[in-house]
Amino acid sequence: MLAFAANSVLCRLALRDTQIDAATFTFVRLAAGALALALFVRRPTRDAAAGGNWTSAFALFLYAAAFSFAYTRLPAGIGALLLFGTVQTTMVAYGVWRGERPTALQILGMLLAVGGLVVLLWPGASAPSPIAAALMLVAGIAWGGYSLRGRSSTDAQAATRGNFIRSVPMAAALLLAAFATLRVDAQGLVLAVASGALASAGGYVIWYSVTPLLQPSQAATVQLSVPLIATIAGVVLLGETMSPGQLAAGACILGGIWLSLLFAGRRVAPSARSPKA
């Protein structure tokens, strides 16, 4: 979650404070992640299916592209609220469809965490752009799908490497389609490379390693900590302040995550096979 929060901060800084455009940022982010993984994940895998696939790669690309374009026209708080609310809904709905039966305390934890997220991010927010909001909803569904597909991964490093490499041609096609509006500067390029090679590549390998150990609802709820971590980072690193209401909201998020992890529900017979990584 620290890597996810760092990635969110890097993306917002690049698209808000530099000249880089969303299409270029997406391409550089995915290409840098693919290059880093190709260089550092050299271990061969015996199972070709363990090295990712085009469906997961498309989900990764769709998330990264929609996320970037949405954040050019969305306030940070509303963007995070839409993204993680959609991720939560997508993954919990899939878990229930697959046979997960959350306990009352787990449901209480999820509601508590979502309520804390709303309180943390909503105050003072203006009405979002409908197009940008729709793009962030697409990003949330795509990321939820990508996370769910990681539950069947047998080699997190190989799967993440394969998915990133396959996503690069898709990002290149987006770059060509947006050629007339492309912009870039040195600072934006550095932030995009850091987002892809460090926060995305490393963070997603770790995420694919742990998602098989969590129920979908747990994996979804844990991610609600990302906006809180980003807020705390702003206080520690940038000298920002947290109001008493935000502190209470943070406590609700952490308490809800604790309840969700501690009181996981049982599973009944699944209605379909898990999607492949």
C-alpha atoms as a PDB file:
ATOM      1  CA  MET A   1       0.000   0.000   0.000  1.00  0.00           C
ATOM      2  CA  LEU A   2       2.978   2.324   0.531  1.00  0.00           C
ATOM      3  CA  ALA A   3       3.951   1.769  -3.111  1.00  0.00           C
ATOM      4  CA  PHE A   4       0.376   2.448  -4.245  1.00  0.00           C
ATOM      5  CA  ALA A   5       0.277   5.687  -2.264  1.00  0.00           C
ATOM      6  CA  ALA A   6       3.647   6.744  -3.694  1.00  0.00           C
ATOM      7  CA  ASN A   7       2.386   5.986  -7.190  1.00  0.00           C
ATOM      8  CA  SER A   8      -0.709   8.098  -6.647  1.00  0.00           C
ATOM      9  CA  VAL A   9       1.385  11.027  -5.405  1.00  0.00           C
ATOM     10  CA  LEU A  10       3.837  10.768  -8.319  1.00  0.00           C
ATOM     11  CA  CYS A  11       1.014  10.685 -10.852  1.00  0.00           C
ATOM     12  CA  ARG A  12      -0.738  13.700  -9.351  1.00  0.00           C
ATOM     13  CA  LEU A  13       2.502  15.687  -9.157  1.00  0.00           C
ATOM     14  CA  ALA A  14       3.383  14.929 -12.770  1.00  0.00           C
ATOM     15  CA  LEU A  15      -0.019  15.719 -14.251  1.00  0.00           C
ATOM     16  CA  ARG A  16      -0.640  18.761 -12.054  1.00  0.00           C
ATOM     17  CA  ASP A  17       2.770  20.433 -11.783  1.00  0.00           C
ATOM     18  CA  THR A  18       4.625  19.529 -15.012  1.00  0.00           C
ATOM     19  CA  GLN A  19       3.993  19.783 -18.739  1.00  0.00           C
ATOM     20  CA  ILE A  20       3.701  16.046 -19.420  1.00  0.00           C
ATOM     21  CA  ASP A  21       0.374  14.941 -20.892  1.00  0.00           C
ATOM     22  CA  ALA A  22      -1.666  11.922 -19.789  1.00  0.00           C
ATOM     23  CA  ALA A  23      -0.885   9.737 -22.824  1.00  0.00           C
ATOM     24  CA  THR A  24       2.867  10.302 -22.561  1.00  0.00           C
ATOM     25  CA  PHE A  25       2.796   9.725 -18.810  1.00  0.00           C
ATOM     26  CA  THR A  26       0.930   6.432 -19.307  1.00  0.00           C
ATOM     27  CA  PHE A  27       3.369   5.217 -21.958  1.00  0.00           C
ATOM     28  CA  VAL A  28       6.496   6.162 -20.007  1.00  0.00           C
ATOM     29  CA  ARG A  29       5.074   4.687 -16.794  1.00  0.00           C
ATOM     30  CA  LEU A  30       4.276   1.319 -18.363  1.00  0.00           C
ATOM     31  CA  ALA A  31       7.429   1.218 -20.496  1.00  0.00           C
ATOM     32  CA  ALA A  32       9.646   2.053 -17.501  1.00  0.00           C
ATOM     33  CA  GLY A  33       7.913  -0.637 -15.457  1.00  0.00           C
ATOM     34  CA  ALA A  34       8.344  -3.185 -18.235  1.00  0.00           C
ATOM     35  CA  LEU A  35      12.028  -2.323 -18.655  1.00  0.00           C
ATOM     36  CA  ALA A  36      12.723  -2.523 -14.923  1.00  0.00           C
ATOM     37  CA  LEU A  37      10.994  -5.888 -14.642  1.00  0.00           C
ATOM     38  CA  ALA A  38      12.722  -7.230 -17.777  1.00  0.00           C
ATOM     39  CA  LEU A  39      16.109  -6.269 -16.310  1.00  0.00           C
ATOM     40  CA  PHE A  40      15.613  -7.452 -12.754  1.00  0.00           C
ATOM     41  CA  VAL A  41      13.186 -10.372 -13.117  1.00  0.00           C
ATOM     42  CA  ARG A  42      15.299 -12.723 -15.190  1.00  0.00           C
ATOM     43  CA  ARG A  43      14.236 -15.993 -13.570  1.00  0.00           C
ATOM     44  CA  PRO A  44      12.704 -18.328 -16.191  1.00  0.00           C
ATOM     45  CA  THR A  45       9.361 -19.954 -15.466  1.00  0.00           C
ATOM     46  CA  ARG A  46       8.429 -23.474 -16.540  1.00  0.00           C
ATOM     47  CA  ASP A  47       4.765 -22.603 -16.873  1.00  0.00           C
ATOM     48  CA  ALA A  48       4.179 -20.252 -19.804  1.00  0.00           C
ATOM     49  CA  ALA A  49       0.789 -19.285 -18.345  1.00  0.00           C
ATOM     50  CA  ALA A  50       2.540 -17.994 -15.220  1.00  0.00           C
ATOM     51  CA  GLY A  51       4.103 -15.185 -17.249  1.00  0.00           C
ATOM     52  CA  GLY A  52       0.965 -13.085 -17.510  1.00  0.00           C
ATOM     53  CA  ASN A  53      -1.464 -12.818 -20.427  1.00  0.00           C
ATOM     54  CA  TRP A  54      -3.054 -10.305 -22.748  1.00  0.00           C
ATOM     55  CA  THR A  55      -6.297  -9.970 -20.768  1.00  0.00           C
ATOM     56  CA  SER A  56      -4.481  -8.968 -17.592  1.00  0.00           C
ATOM     57  CA  ALA A  57      -2.191  -6.696 -19.614  1.00  0.00           C
ATOM     58  CA  PHE A  58      -5.214  -4.926 -21.102  1.00  0.00           C
ATOM     59  CA  ALA A  59      -6.712  -4.462 -17.632  1.00  0.00           C
ATOM     60  CA  LEU A  60      -3.394  -2.973 -16.479  1.00  0.00           C
ATOM     61  CA  PHE A  61      -3.222  -0.639 -19.498  1.00  0.00           C
ATOM     62  CA  LEU A  62      -6.874   0.408 -19.169  1.00  0.00           C
ATOM     63  CA  TYR A  63      -6.401   1.243 -15.495  1.00  0.00           C
ATOM     64  CA  ALA A  64      -3.201   3.241 -16.109  1.00  0.00           C
ATOM     65  CA  ALA A  65      -4.613   5.190 -19.060  1.00  0.00           C
ATOM     66  CA  ALA A  66      -8.012   5.972 -17.532  1.00  0.00           C
ATOM     67  CA  PHE A  67      -6.355   6.900 -14.223  1.00  0.00           C
ATOM     68  CA  SER A  68      -3.983   9.350 -15.919  1.00  0.00           C
ATOM     69  CA  PHE A  69      -6.601  11.038 -18.090  1.00  0.00           C
ATOM     70  CA  ALA A  70      -9.075  11.283 -15.186  1.00  0.00           C
ATOM     71  CA  TYR A  71      -6.558  12.975 -12.895  1.00  0.00           C
ATOM     72  CA  THR A  72      -5.983  15.800 -15.384  1.00  0.00           C
ATOM     73  CA  ARG A  73      -9.505  17.037 -14.582  1.00  0.00           C
ATOM     74  CA  LEU A  74     -10.289  15.663 -11.110  1.00  0.00           C
ATOM     75  CA  PRO A  75      -9.387  16.922  -7.639  1.00  0.00           C
ATOM     76  CA  ALA A  76      -7.162  14.435  -5.856  1.00  0.00           C
ATOM     77  CA  GLY A  77      -9.670  13.633  -3.110  1.00  0.00           C
ATOM     78  CA  ILE A  78     -12.642  12.981  -5.366  1.00  0.00           C
ATOM     79  CA  GLY A  79     -10.450  10.968  -7.739  1.00  0.00           C
ATOM     80  CA  ALA A  80      -9.254   8.690  -4.939  1.00  0.00           C
ATOM     81  CA  LEU A  81     -12.782   8.331  -3.580  1.00  0.00           C
ATOM     82  CA  LEU A  82     -14.177   7.305  -6.965  1.00  0.00           C
ATOM     83  CA  LEU A  83     -11.254   4.974  -7.691  1.00  0.00           C
ATOM     84  CA  PHE A  84     -11.161   3.046  -4.443  1.00  0.00           C
ATOM     85  CA  GLY A  85     -14.927   3.029  -4.041  1.00  0.00           C
ATOM     86  CA  THR A  86     -15.200   1.373  -7.449  1.00  0.00           C
ATOM     87  CA  VAL A  87     -12.361  -1.062  -6.688  1.00  0.00           C
ATOM     88  CA  GLN A  88     -14.122  -2.009  -3.445  1.00  0.00           C
ATOM     89  CA  THR A  89     -17.463  -2.563  -5.189  1.00  0.00           C
ATOM     90  CA  THR A  90     -15.908  -4.581  -8.024  1.00  0.00           C
ATOM     91  CA  MET A  91     -13.878  -6.913  -5.818  1.00  0.00           C
ATOM     92  CA  VAL A  92     -16.528  -7.426  -3.137  1.00  0.00           C
ATOM     93  CA  ALA A  93     -19.176  -8.177  -5.769  1.00  0.00           C
ATOM     94  CA  TYR A  94     -16.877 -10.720  -7.398  1.00  0.00           C
ATOM     95  CA  GLY A  95     -16.123 -12.311  -4.034  1.00  0.00           C
ATOM     96  CA  VAL A  96     -19.816 -12.739  -3.263  1.00  0.00           C
ATOM     97  CA  TRP A  97     -20.426 -14.166  -6.750  1.00  0.00           C
ATOM     98  CA  ARG A  98     -17.586 -16.616  -6.207  1.00  0.00           C
ATOM     99  CA  GLY A  99     -19.050 -17.844  -2.946  1.00  0.00           C
ATOM    100  CA  GLU A 100     -17.506 -15.600  -0.298  1.00  0.00           C
ATOM    101  CA  ARG A 101     -19.855 -15.007   2.622  1.00  0.00           C
ATOM    102  CA  PRO A 102     -18.651 -12.048   4.711  1.00  0.00           C
ATOM    103  CA  THR A 103     -19.428 -12.100   8.418  1.00  0.00           C
ATOM    104  CA  ALA A 104     -21.397  -9.300  10.074  1.00  0.00           C
ATOM    105  CA  LEU A 105     -18.221  -7.905  11.642  1.00  0.00           C
ATOM    106  CA  GLN A 106     -16.403  -8.042   8.297  1.00  0.00           C
ATOM    107  CA  ILE A 107     -19.254  -6.139   6.635  1.00  0.00           C
ATOM    108  CA  LEU A 108     -19.150  -3.635   9.498  1.00  0.00           C
ATOM    109  CA  GLY A 109     -15.416  -3.244   8.912  1.00  0.00           C
ATOM    110  CA  MET A 110     -15.889  -2.600   5.200  1.00  0.00           C
ATOM    111  CA  LEU A 111     -18.617  -0.010   5.869  1.00  0.00           C
ATOM    112  CA  LEU A 112     -16.507   1.649   8.551  1.00  0.00           C
ATOM    113  CA  ALA A 113     -13.499   1.880   6.225  1.00  0.00           C
ATOM    114  CA  VAL A 114     -15.566   3.257   3.337  1.00  0.00           C
ATOM    115  CA  GLY A 115     -17.243   5.777   5.652  1.00  0.00           C
ATOM    116  CA  GLY A 116     -13.852   6.906   6.911  1.00  0.00           C
ATOM    117  CA  LEU A 117     -12.647   7.297   3.330  1.00  0.00           C
ATOM    118  CA  VAL A 118     -15.629   9.506   2.474  1.00  0.00           C
ATOM    119  CA  VAL A 119     -15.017  11.723   5.511  1.00  0.00           C
ATOM    120  CA  LEU A 120     -11.283  11.906   4.760  1.00  0.00           C
ATOM    121  CA  LEU A 121     -11.633  12.920   1.120  1.00  0.00           C
ATOM    122  CA  TRP A 122     -15.042  14.518   0.576  1.00  0.00           C
ATOM    123  CA  PRO A 123     -15.016  17.828   2.563  1.00  0.00           C
ATOM    124  CA  GLY A 124     -14.682  20.888   0.394  1.00  0.00           C
ATOM    125  CA  ALA A 125     -14.705  18.933  -2.874  1.00  0.00           C
ATOM    126  CA  SER A 126     -16.427  20.460  -5.876  1.00  0.00           C
ATOM    127  CA  ALA A 127     -18.593  18.590  -8.330  1.00  0.00           C
ATOM    128  CA  PRO A 128     -16.319  16.520 -10.584  1.00  0.00           C
ATOM    129  CA  SER A 129     -16.260  16.573 -14.370  1.00  0.00           C
ATOM    130  CA  PRO A 130     -18.656  13.847 -15.599  1.00  0.00           C
ATOM    131  CA  ILE A 131     -16.154  12.605 -18.194  1.00  0.00           C
ATOM    132  CA  ALA A 132     -13.284  12.531 -15.708  1.00  0.00           C
ATOM    133  CA  ALA A 133     -15.473  10.807 -13.129  1.00  0.00           C
ATOM    134  CA  ALA A 134     -16.488   8.178 -15.689  1.00  0.00           C
ATOM    135  CA  LEU A 135     -12.825   7.598 -16.570  1.00  0.00           C
ATOM    136  CA  MET A 136     -11.972   7.079 -12.894  1.00  0.00           C
ATOM    137  CA  LEU A 137     -14.819   4.564 -12.571  1.00  0.00           C
ATOM    138  CA  VAL A 138     -13.355   2.692 -15.563  1.00  0.00           C
ATOM    139  CA  ALA A 139      -9.944   2.807 -13.881  1.00  0.00           C
ATOM    140  CA  GLY A 140     -11.422   1.363 -10.690  1.00  0.00           C
ATOM    141  CA  ILE A 141     -13.138  -1.502 -12.496  1.00  0.00           C
ATOM    142  CA  ALA A 142      -9.973  -2.247 -14.483  1.00  0.00           C
ATOM    143  CA  TRP A 143      -7.769  -2.240 -11.381  1.00  0.00           C
ATOM    144  CA  GLY A 144     -10.251  -4.400  -9.508  1.00  0.00           C
ATOM    145  CA  GLY A 145     -10.196  -6.865 -12.402  1.00  0.00           C
ATOM    146  CA  TYR A 146      -6.400  -6.820 -12.573  1.00  0.00           C
ATOM    147  CA  SER A 147      -6.164  -7.469  -8.833  1.00  0.00           C
ATOM    148  CA  LEU A 148      -8.651 -10.339  -9.019  1.00  0.00           C
ATOM    149  CA  ARG A 149      -6.740 -11.964 -11.845  1.00  0.00           C
ATOM    150  CA  GLY A 150      -3.648 -11.907  -9.650  1.00  0.00           C
ATOM    151  CA  ARG A 151      -5.333 -14.321  -7.239  1.00  0.00           C
ATOM    152  CA  SER A 152      -4.529 -17.202  -9.579  1.00  0.00           C
ATOM    153  CA  SER A 153      -0.906 -16.158 -10.135  1.00  0.00           C
ATOM    154  CA  THR A 154       1.663 -18.871  -9.430  1.00  0.00           C
ATOM    155  CA  ASP A 155       4.662 -16.600 -10.056  1.00  0.00           C
ATOM    156  CA  ALA A 156       4.002 -12.974  -9.130  1.00  0.00           C
ATOM    157  CA  GLN A 157       7.235 -11.655 -10.617  1.00  0.00           C
ATOM    158  CA  ALA A 158       6.859 -13.423 -13.957  1.00  0.00           C
ATOM    159  CA  ALA A 159       3.169 -12.516 -14.235  1.00  0.00           C
ATOM    160  CA  THR A 160       3.795  -8.849 -13.501  1.00  0.00           C
ATOM    161  CA  ARG A 161       6.720  -8.739 -15.932  1.00  0.00           C
ATOM    162  CA  GLY A 162       4.670 -10.355 -18.697  1.00  0.00           C
ATOM    163  CA  ASN A 163       1.683  -8.108 -18.114  1.00  0.00           C
ATOM    164  CA  PHE A 164       3.784  -4.938 -18.176  1.00  0.00           C
ATOM    165  CA  ILE A 165       5.631  -5.967 -21.342  1.00  0.00           C
ATOM    166  CA  ARG A 166       2.356  -6.782 -23.112  1.00  0.00           C
ATOM    167  CA  SER A 167       0.858  -3.436 -22.049  1.00  0.00           C
ATOM    168  CA  VAL A 168       3.560  -1.377 -23.766  1.00  0.00           C
ATOM    169  CA  PRO A 169       2.239  -1.795 -27.352  1.00  0.00           C
ATOM    170  CA  MET A 170      -1.204  -0.719 -26.125  1.00  0.00           C
ATOM    171  CA  ALA A 171       0.284   2.384 -24.523  1.00  0.00           C
ATOM    172  CA  ALA A 172       2.239   3.072 -27.732  1.00  0.00           C
ATOM    173  CA  ALA A 173      -1.002   2.936 -29.729  1.00  0.00           C
ATOM    174  CA  LEU A 174      -2.539   5.458 -27.324  1.00  0.00           C
ATOM    175  CA  LEU A 175       0.532   7.654 -27.763  1.00  0.00           C
ATOM    176  CA  LEU A 176       0.102   7.636 -31.545  1.00  0.00           C
ATOM    177  CA  ALA A 177      -3.609   8.381 -31.267  1.00  0.00           C
ATOM    178  CA  ALA A 178      -2.898  11.405 -29.069  1.00  0.00           C
ATOM    179  CA  PHE A 179       0.143  12.554 -31.080  1.00  0.00           C
ATOM    180  CA  ALA A 180      -1.201  16.063 -31.758  1.00  0.00           C
ATOM    181  CA  THR A 181      -1.557  16.844 -28.048  1.00  0.00           C
ATOM    182  CA  LEU A 182       1.657  15.287 -26.697  1.00  0.00           C
ATOM    183  CA  ARG A 183       3.780  17.346 -24.295  1.00  0.00           C
ATOM    184  CA  VAL A 184       6.709  16.429 -22.088  1.00  0.00           C
ATOM    185  CA  ASP A 185       9.348  18.046 -19.902  1.00  0.00           C
ATOM    186  CA  ALA A 186      12.273  16.712 -17.892  1.00  0.00           C
ATOM    187  CA  GLN A 187      10.519  16.804 -14.512  1.00  0.00           C
ATOM    188  CA  GLY A 188       7.417  15.061 -15.821  1.00  0.00           C
ATOM    189  CA  LEU A 189       9.560  12.412 -17.476  1.00  0.00           C
ATOM    190  CA  VAL A 190      11.443  11.715 -14.242  1.00  0.00           C
ATOM    191  CA  LEU A 191       8.198  11.397 -12.284  1.00  0.00           C
ATOM    192  CA  ALA A 192       6.726   9.044 -14.897  1.00  0.00           C
ATOM    193  CA  VAL A 193       9.835   6.835 -14.848  1.00  0.00           C
ATOM    194  CA  ALA A 194       9.772   6.740 -11.035  1.00  0.00           C
ATOM    195  CA  SER A 195       6.092   5.881 -11.079  1.00  0.00           C
ATOM    196  CA  GLY A 196       6.619   3.007 -13.484  1.00  0.00           C
ATOM    197  CA  ALA A 197      10.002   1.559 -12.516  1.00  0.00           C
ATOM    198  CA  LEU A 198       9.682   1.933  -8.746  1.00  0.00           C
ATOM    199  CA  ALA A 199       6.159   2.388  -7.431  1.00  0.00           C
ATOM    200  CA  SER A 200       4.316   0.408 -10.126  1.00  0.00           C
ATOM    201  CA  ALA A 201       6.696  -2.424 -11.025  1.00  0.00           C
ATOM    202  CA  GLY A 202       7.822  -3.162  -7.481  1.00  0.00           C
ATOM    203  CA  GLY A 203       4.468  -2.531  -5.854  1.00  0.00           C
ATOM    204  CA  TYR A 204       2.520  -4.689  -8.284  1.00  0.00           C
ATOM    205  CA  VAL A 205       4.879  -7.648  -7.851  1.00  0.00           C
ATOM    206  CA  ILE A 206       4.256  -7.487  -4.110  1.00  0.00           C
ATOM    207  CA  TRP A 207       0.505  -7.103  -4.688  1.00  0.00           C
ATOM    208  CA  TYR A 208       0.345 -10.161  -6.964  1.00  0.00           C
ATOM    209  CA  SER A 209       2.252 -12.068  -4.271  1.00  0.00           C
ATOM    210  CA  VAL A 210      -0.260 -11.333  -1.517  1.00  0.00           C
ATOM    211  CA  THR A 211      -3.626 -11.281  -3.316  1.00  0.00           C
ATOM    212  CA  PRO A 212      -3.873 -15.107  -3.430  1.00  0.00           C
ATOM    213  CA  LEU A 213      -3.688 -15.057   0.386  1.00  0.00           C
ATOM    214  CA  LEU A 214      -6.636 -12.661   0.772  1.00  0.00           C
ATOM    215  CA  GLN A 215     -10.325 -12.954   0.061  1.00  0.00           C
ATOM    216  CA  PRO A 216     -11.519 -10.463  -2.586  1.00  0.00           C
ATOM    217  CA  SER A 217     -13.331  -8.343   0.008  1.00  0.00           C
ATOM    218  CA  GLN A 218     -10.210  -8.244   2.193  1.00  0.00           C
ATOM    219  CA  ALA A 219      -7.964  -7.275  -0.720  1.00  0.00           C
ATOM    220  CA  ALA A 220     -10.422  -4.528  -1.646  1.00  0.00           C
ATOM    221  CA  THR A 221     -10.711  -3.146   1.884  1.00  0.00           C
ATOM    222  CA  VAL A 222      -6.948  -3.094   2.487  1.00  0.00           C
ATOM    223  CA  GLN A 223      -6.558  -0.754  -0.490  1.00  0.00           C
ATOM    224  CA  LEU A 224      -8.727   1.855   1.234  1.00  0.00           C
ATOM    225  CA  SER A 225      -5.645   2.636   3.318  1.00  0.00           C
ATOM    226  CA  VAL A 226      -3.880   4.149   0.293  1.00  0.00           C
ATOM    227  CA  PRO A 227      -5.495   7.637   0.465  1.00  0.00           C
ATOM    228  CA  LEU A 228      -4.851   7.692   4.217  1.00  0.00           C
ATOM    229  CA  ILE A 229      -1.168   6.823   3.695  1.00  0.00           C
ATOM    230  CA  ALA A 230      -0.899   9.554   1.052  1.00  0.00           C
ATOM    231  CA  THR A 231      -2.475  12.056   3.461  1.00  0.00           C
ATOM    232  CA  ILE A 232      -0.072  11.081   6.255  1.00  0.00           C
ATOM    233  CA  ALA A 233       2.842  11.406   3.825  1.00  0.00           C
ATOM    234  CA  GLY A 234       1.737  14.942   3.086  1.00  0.00           C
ATOM    235  CA  VAL A 235       1.811  15.740   6.801  1.00  0.00           C
ATOM    236  CA  VAL A 236       5.230  14.150   7.388  1.00  0.00           C
ATOM    237  CA  LEU A 237       7.016  15.157   4.180  1.00  0.00           C
ATOM    238  CA  LEU A 238       5.280  18.344   3.049  1.00  0.00           C
ATOM    239  CA  GLY A 239       4.309  19.951   6.345  1.00  0.00           C
ATOM    240  CA  GLU A 240       0.568  19.664   5.690  1.00  0.00           C
ATOM    241  CA  THR A 241      -1.897  19.402   8.564  1.00  0.00           C
ATOM    242  CA  MET A 242      -4.673  16.976   9.481  1.00  0.00           C
ATOM    243  CA  SER A 243      -7.869  18.186  11.083  1.00  0.00           C
ATOM    244  CA  PRO A 244      -9.466  16.332  14.012  1.00  0.00           C
ATOM    245  CA  GLY A 245     -12.108  15.087  11.591  1.00  0.00           C
ATOM    246  CA  GLN A 246      -9.456  13.648   9.284  1.00  0.00           C
ATOM    247  CA  LEU A 247      -7.744  11.968  12.224  1.00  0.00           C
ATOM    248  CA  ALA A 248     -11.048  10.362  13.208  1.00  0.00           C
ATOM    249  CA  ALA A 249     -11.614   9.313   9.606  1.00  0.00           C
ATOM    250  CA  GLY A 250      -8.168   7.711   9.528  1.00  0.00           C
ATOM    251  CA  ALA A 251      -8.961   5.787  12.684  1.00  0.00           C
ATOM    252  CA  CYS A 252     -12.202   4.545  11.088  1.00  0.00           C
ATOM    253  CA  ILE A 253     -10.343   3.370   7.978  1.00  0.00           C
ATOM    254  CA  LEU A 254      -7.717   1.487   9.976  1.00  0.00           C
ATOM    255  CA  GLY A 255     -10.310   0.034  12.332  1.00  0.00           C
ATOM    256  CA  GLY A 256     -12.450  -1.092   9.422  1.00  0.00           C
ATOM    257  CA  ILE A 257      -9.499  -2.767   7.718  1.00  0.00           C
ATOM    258  CA  TRP A 258      -8.623  -4.530  10.988  1.00  0.00           C
ATOM    259  CA  LEU A 259     -12.177  -5.860  11.343  1.00  0.00           C
ATOM    260  CA  SER A 260     -12.254  -6.982   7.710  1.00  0.00           C
ATOM    261  CA  LEU A 261      -8.973  -8.891   8.024  1.00  0.00           C
ATOM    262  CA  LEU A 262      -9.650 -10.384  11.450  1.00  0.00           C
ATOM    263  CA  PHE A 263     -13.221 -11.552  10.931  1.00  0.00           C
ATOM    264  CA  ALA A 264     -13.089 -12.943   7.417  1.00  0.00           C
ATOM    265  CA  GLY A 265     -16.150 -14.870   6.303  1.00  0.00           C
ATOM    266  CA  ARG A 266     -16.370 -18.400   5.044  1.00  0.00           C
ATOM    267  CA  ARG A 267     -16.511 -19.559   1.454  1.00  0.00           C
ATOM    268  CA  VAL A 268     -19.094 -21.773  -0.183  1.00  0.00           C
ATOM    269  CA  ALA A 269     -18.781 -23.632  -3.474  1.00  0.00           C
ATOM    270  CA  PRO A 270     -17.573 -21.173  -6.135  1.00  0.00           C
ATOM    271  CA  SER A 271     -19.830 -20.455  -9.056  1.00  0.00           C
ATOM    272  CA  ALA A 272     -16.972 -20.104 -11.562  1.00  0.00           C
ATOM    273  CA  ARG A 273     -13.231 -20.496 -11.882  1.00  0.00           C
ATOM    274  CA  SER A 274     -10.924 -17.703 -10.769  1.00  0.00           C
ATOM    275  CA  PRO A 275      -9.658 -15.487 -13.588  1.00  0.00           C
ATOM    276  CA  LYS A 276      -6.081 -16.193 -14.583  1.00  0.00           C
ATOM    277  CA  ALA A 277      -3.303 -13.724 -13.918  1.00  0.00           C
END
